[in-house]
Amino acid sequence: MKKDAEFFEGREAQLLYIAKKLQDATRLEAAFDQAGIDYGVEADEYHGGVIFRRTRVGAFFYVLPEARELAVGILEANGFSPAASDD
């Protein structure tokens, strides 16, 4: 279930995915909610484009380390590729 920032205070949240389209973000939220995964989402900037690089805004999805493996499975089952792990 979607959690507020307070849920992650004092804990090491890991970036799981950056949704670049609203449709992808809402589809992923629905998949995580259905699976009962605790996650956080925040809007943030990323850089996109190959020739003409621009700063864009996306939905950054975070999970706690203990939920990462299950969350990656949900991502992949829904056609998304997870962000690289920090470990």
N, C-alpha and C. Protein backbone atom coordinates (compact mmCIF):
# COMPACT_ATOMS: atom_id res chain seq x y z
N MET A 1 0.83 -1.18 0.00
CA MET A 1 0.00 0.00 0.00
C MET A 1 0.89 1.25 0.00
N LYS A 2 0.40 2.29 -0.61
CA LYS A 2 1.14 3.54 -0.70
C LYS A 2 1.31 4.13 0.69
N LYS A 3 2.55 4.51 1.01
CA LYS A 3 2.88 5.03 2.34
C LYS A 3 3.40 6.45 2.24
N ASP A 4 3.18 7.22 3.30
CA ASP A 4 3.70 8.59 3.39
C ASP A 4 5.18 8.55 3.77
N ALA A 5 5.81 9.70 3.66
CA ALA A 5 7.25 9.82 3.96
C ALA A 5 7.56 9.39 5.39
N GLU A 6 6.65 9.61 6.32
CA GLU A 6 6.89 9.25 7.72
C GLU A 6 7.14 7.76 7.88
N PHE A 7 6.53 6.95 7.04
CA PHE A 7 6.71 5.49 7.10
C PHE A 7 8.17 5.12 6.88
N PHE A 8 8.87 5.88 6.06
CA PHE A 8 10.26 5.57 5.70
C PHE A 8 11.29 6.27 6.58
N GLU A 9 10.86 7.12 7.51
CA GLU A 9 11.81 7.85 8.37
C GLU A 9 12.66 6.88 9.17
N GLY A 10 13.97 7.12 9.12
CA GLY A 10 14.91 6.28 9.86
C GLY A 10 15.14 4.92 9.22
N ARG A 11 14.61 4.70 8.03
CA ARG A 11 14.77 3.44 7.32
C ARG A 11 15.39 3.72 5.96
N GLU A 12 16.05 2.75 5.39
CA GLU A 12 16.77 2.93 4.13
C GLU A 12 15.90 2.51 2.94
N ALA A 13 15.12 3.44 2.42
CA ALA A 13 14.28 3.16 1.25
C ALA A 13 15.16 3.07 0.01
N GLN A 14 14.82 2.15 -0.88
CA GLN A 14 15.58 1.96 -2.11
C GLN A 14 14.75 2.35 -3.32
N LEU A 15 15.38 3.04 -4.26
CA LEU A 15 14.71 3.40 -5.50
C LEU A 15 14.46 2.12 -6.28
N LEU A 16 13.21 1.93 -6.69
CA LEU A 16 12.83 0.73 -7.41
C LEU A 16 12.55 1.00 -8.89
N TYR A 17 11.90 2.14 -9.17
CA TYR A 17 11.47 2.41 -10.54
C TYR A 17 11.19 3.90 -10.70
N ILE A 18 11.44 4.41 -11.90
CA ILE A 18 11.07 5.79 -12.23
C ILE A 18 10.05 5.72 -13.36
N ALA A 19 8.82 6.10 -13.06
CA ALA A 19 7.76 6.12 -14.08
C ALA A 19 7.84 7.46 -14.80
N LYS A 20 8.00 7.40 -16.10
CA LYS A 20 8.14 8.61 -16.90
C LYS A 20 6.80 9.06 -17.47
N LYS A 21 5.79 8.20 -17.37
CA LYS A 21 4.44 8.53 -17.85
C LYS A 21 3.44 8.30 -16.73
N LEU A 22 2.45 9.16 -16.66
CA LEU A 22 1.42 9.03 -15.63
C LEU A 22 0.71 7.69 -15.72
N GLN A 23 0.45 7.23 -16.92
CA GLN A 23 -0.23 5.95 -17.12
C GLN A 23 0.57 4.80 -16.50
N ASP A 24 1.89 4.82 -16.66
CA ASP A 24 2.74 3.79 -16.06
C ASP A 24 2.71 3.87 -14.54
N ALA A 25 2.75 5.08 -14.01
CA ALA A 25 2.73 5.26 -12.55
C ALA A 25 1.43 4.73 -11.95
N THR A 26 0.31 5.06 -12.54
CA THR A 26 -0.97 4.60 -11.98
C THR A 26 -1.13 3.09 -12.14
N ARG A 27 -0.64 2.53 -13.23
CA ARG A 27 -0.71 1.08 -13.43
C ARG A 27 0.16 0.35 -12.40
N LEU A 28 1.35 0.89 -12.13
CA LEU A 28 2.23 0.27 -11.15
C LEU A 28 1.67 0.41 -9.74
N GLU A 29 1.11 1.56 -9.41
CA GLU A 29 0.48 1.72 -8.10
C GLU A 29 -0.62 0.68 -7.89
N ALA A 30 -1.43 0.47 -8.91
CA ALA A 30 -2.52 -0.51 -8.81
C ALA A 30 -1.96 -1.92 -8.60
N ALA A 31 -0.89 -2.27 -9.30
CA ALA A 31 -0.28 -3.60 -9.16
C ALA A 31 0.29 -3.78 -7.76
N PHE A 32 0.99 -2.76 -7.23
CA PHE A 32 1.54 -2.85 -5.88
C PHE A 32 0.42 -2.93 -4.83
N ASP A 33 -0.61 -2.13 -5.00
CA ASP A 33 -1.73 -2.17 -4.06
C ASP A 33 -2.39 -3.54 -4.04
N GLN A 34 -2.59 -4.11 -5.22
CA GLN A 34 -3.22 -5.43 -5.32
C GLN A 34 -2.36 -6.50 -4.66
N ALA A 35 -1.04 -6.36 -4.77
CA ALA A 35 -0.12 -7.33 -4.17
C ALA A 35 0.13 -7.07 -2.69
N GLY A 36 -0.32 -5.92 -2.17
CA GLY A 36 -0.12 -5.59 -0.76
C GLY A 36 1.29 -5.15 -0.42
N ILE A 37 2.01 -4.60 -1.40
CA ILE A 37 3.38 -4.14 -1.17
C ILE A 37 3.37 -2.71 -0.64
N ASP A 38 4.14 -2.46 0.42
CA ASP A 38 4.30 -1.11 0.94
C ASP A 38 5.33 -0.38 0.08
N TYR A 39 4.97 0.79 -0.42
CA TYR A 39 5.85 1.55 -1.29
C TYR A 39 5.61 3.04 -1.08
N GLY A 40 6.59 3.82 -1.50
CA GLY A 40 6.46 5.27 -1.48
C GLY A 40 6.64 5.81 -2.88
N VAL A 41 6.00 6.92 -3.18
CA VAL A 41 6.12 7.56 -4.48
C VAL A 41 6.33 9.04 -4.26
N GLU A 42 7.28 9.61 -5.01
CA GLU A 42 7.45 11.05 -4.98
C GLU A 42 7.81 11.54 -6.37
N ALA A 43 7.36 12.73 -6.68
CA ALA A 43 7.72 13.35 -7.95
C ALA A 43 9.10 13.95 -7.80
N ASP A 44 9.94 13.72 -8.80
CA ASP A 44 11.29 14.26 -8.78
C ASP A 44 11.76 14.44 -10.21
N GLU A 45 12.87 15.10 -10.37
CA GLU A 45 13.41 15.37 -11.70
C GLU A 45 14.40 14.30 -12.12
N TYR A 46 14.40 14.01 -13.41
CA TYR A 46 15.41 13.14 -14.00
C TYR A 46 15.81 13.75 -15.34
N HIS A 47 16.92 13.31 -15.88
CA HIS A 47 17.39 13.84 -17.16
C HIS A 47 17.12 12.81 -18.24
N GLY A 48 16.50 13.25 -19.33
CA GLY A 48 16.15 12.36 -20.42
C GLY A 48 16.57 12.93 -21.76
N GLY A 49 16.57 12.07 -22.75
CA GLY A 49 16.94 12.48 -24.09
C GLY A 49 18.37 12.11 -24.40
N VAL A 50 18.61 11.79 -25.67
CA VAL A 50 19.95 11.41 -26.09
C VAL A 50 20.65 12.61 -26.72
N ILE A 51 20.03 13.18 -27.71
CA ILE A 51 20.63 14.32 -28.40
C ILE A 51 20.30 15.62 -27.68
N PHE A 52 19.04 15.80 -27.38
CA PHE A 52 18.58 17.01 -26.69
C PHE A 52 18.21 16.62 -25.26
N ARG A 53 19.17 16.72 -24.37
CA ARG A 53 18.92 16.35 -22.98
C ARG A 53 18.07 17.42 -22.30
N ARG A 54 17.07 16.94 -21.59
CA ARG A 54 16.18 17.84 -20.87
C ARG A 54 15.92 17.28 -19.47
N THR A 55 15.56 18.18 -18.60
CA THR A 55 15.14 17.78 -17.27
C THR A 55 13.64 17.57 -17.31
N ARG A 56 13.22 16.41 -16.83
CA ARG A 56 11.80 16.05 -16.84
C ARG A 56 11.40 15.63 -15.43
N VAL A 57 10.11 15.48 -15.22
CA VAL A 57 9.60 15.06 -13.92
C VAL A 57 8.97 13.68 -14.06
N GLY A 58 9.29 12.80 -13.11
CA GLY A 58 8.73 11.46 -13.11
C GLY A 58 8.29 11.07 -11.72
N ALA A 59 7.66 9.91 -11.62
CA ALA A 59 7.23 9.37 -10.33
C ALA A 59 8.27 8.33 -9.89
N PHE A 60 8.95 8.62 -8.80
CA PHE A 60 10.01 7.75 -8.28
C PHE A 60 9.39 6.82 -7.24
N PHE A 61 9.49 5.52 -7.46
CA PHE A 61 8.92 4.51 -6.57
C PHE A 61 10.01 3.95 -5.67
N TYR A 62 9.74 3.90 -4.37
CA TYR A 62 10.69 3.40 -3.38
C TYR A 62 10.06 2.28 -2.57
N VAL A 63 10.90 1.33 -2.15
CA VAL A 63 10.48 0.26 -1.24
C VAL A 63 11.58 0.04 -0.21
N LEU A 64 11.25 -0.64 0.85
CA LEU A 64 12.26 -1.03 1.84
C LEU A 64 13.01 -2.25 1.31
N PRO A 65 14.26 -2.44 1.74
CA PRO A 65 15.07 -3.55 1.23
C PRO A 65 14.39 -4.92 1.34
N GLU A 66 13.70 -5.16 2.43
CA GLU A 66 13.06 -6.46 2.62
C GLU A 66 11.89 -6.71 1.65
N ALA A 67 11.38 -5.67 1.02
CA ALA A 67 10.27 -5.81 0.07
C ALA A 67 10.75 -5.78 -1.38
N ARG A 68 12.04 -5.52 -1.59
CA ARG A 68 12.54 -5.32 -2.96
C ARG A 68 12.33 -6.54 -3.85
N GLU A 69 12.68 -7.72 -3.39
CA GLU A 69 12.58 -8.91 -4.23
C GLU A 69 11.15 -9.15 -4.71
N LEU A 70 10.20 -9.06 -3.81
CA LEU A 70 8.79 -9.23 -4.18
C LEU A 70 8.34 -8.11 -5.13
N ALA A 71 8.75 -6.89 -4.85
CA ALA A 71 8.37 -5.75 -5.69
C ALA A 71 8.95 -5.86 -7.09
N VAL A 72 10.18 -6.35 -7.21
CA VAL A 72 10.79 -6.56 -8.53
C VAL A 72 9.99 -7.59 -9.31
N GLY A 73 9.53 -8.63 -8.64
CA GLY A 73 8.70 -9.64 -9.30
C GLY A 73 7.42 -9.04 -9.85
N ILE A 74 6.80 -8.16 -9.07
CA ILE A 74 5.56 -7.49 -9.52
C ILE A 74 5.87 -6.57 -10.70
N LEU A 75 6.97 -5.83 -10.61
CA LEU A 75 7.38 -4.95 -11.71
C LEU A 75 7.51 -5.74 -13.00
N GLU A 76 8.31 -6.79 -12.95
CA GLU A 76 8.59 -7.57 -14.14
C GLU A 76 7.35 -8.26 -14.68
N ALA A 77 6.48 -8.73 -13.80
CA ALA A 77 5.24 -9.38 -14.23
C ALA A 77 4.33 -8.41 -14.97
N ASN A 78 4.52 -7.11 -14.71
CA ASN A 78 3.69 -6.09 -15.35
C ASN A 78 4.43 -5.36 -16.48
N GLY A 79 5.56 -5.91 -16.90
CA GLY A 79 6.27 -5.37 -18.05
C GLY A 79 7.21 -4.20 -17.79
N PHE A 80 7.57 -3.98 -16.52
CA PHE A 80 8.49 -2.90 -16.17
C PHE A 80 9.86 -3.47 -15.85
N SER A 81 10.90 -2.67 -16.01
CA SER A 81 12.26 -3.06 -15.63
C SER A 81 12.68 -2.26 -14.41
N PRO A 82 13.14 -2.93 -13.34
CA PRO A 82 13.52 -2.21 -12.13
C PRO A 82 14.78 -1.38 -12.31
N ALA A 83 14.89 -0.35 -11.50
CA ALA A 83 16.12 0.44 -11.44
C ALA A 83 17.21 -0.45 -10.85
N ALA A 84 18.45 -0.16 -11.17
CA ALA A 84 19.57 -0.95 -10.65
C ALA A 84 19.60 -0.86 -9.13
N SER A 85 19.92 -1.97 -8.50
CA SER A 85 20.02 -2.03 -7.05
C SER A 85 21.30 -1.34 -6.60
N ASP A 86 21.27 -0.76 -5.39
CA ASP A 86 22.43 -0.06 -4.85
C ASP A 86 23.48 -1.01 -4.30
N ASP A 87 23.14 -2.32 -4.12
CA ASP A 87 24.11 -3.22 -3.50
C ASP A 87 25.06 -3.80 -4.45
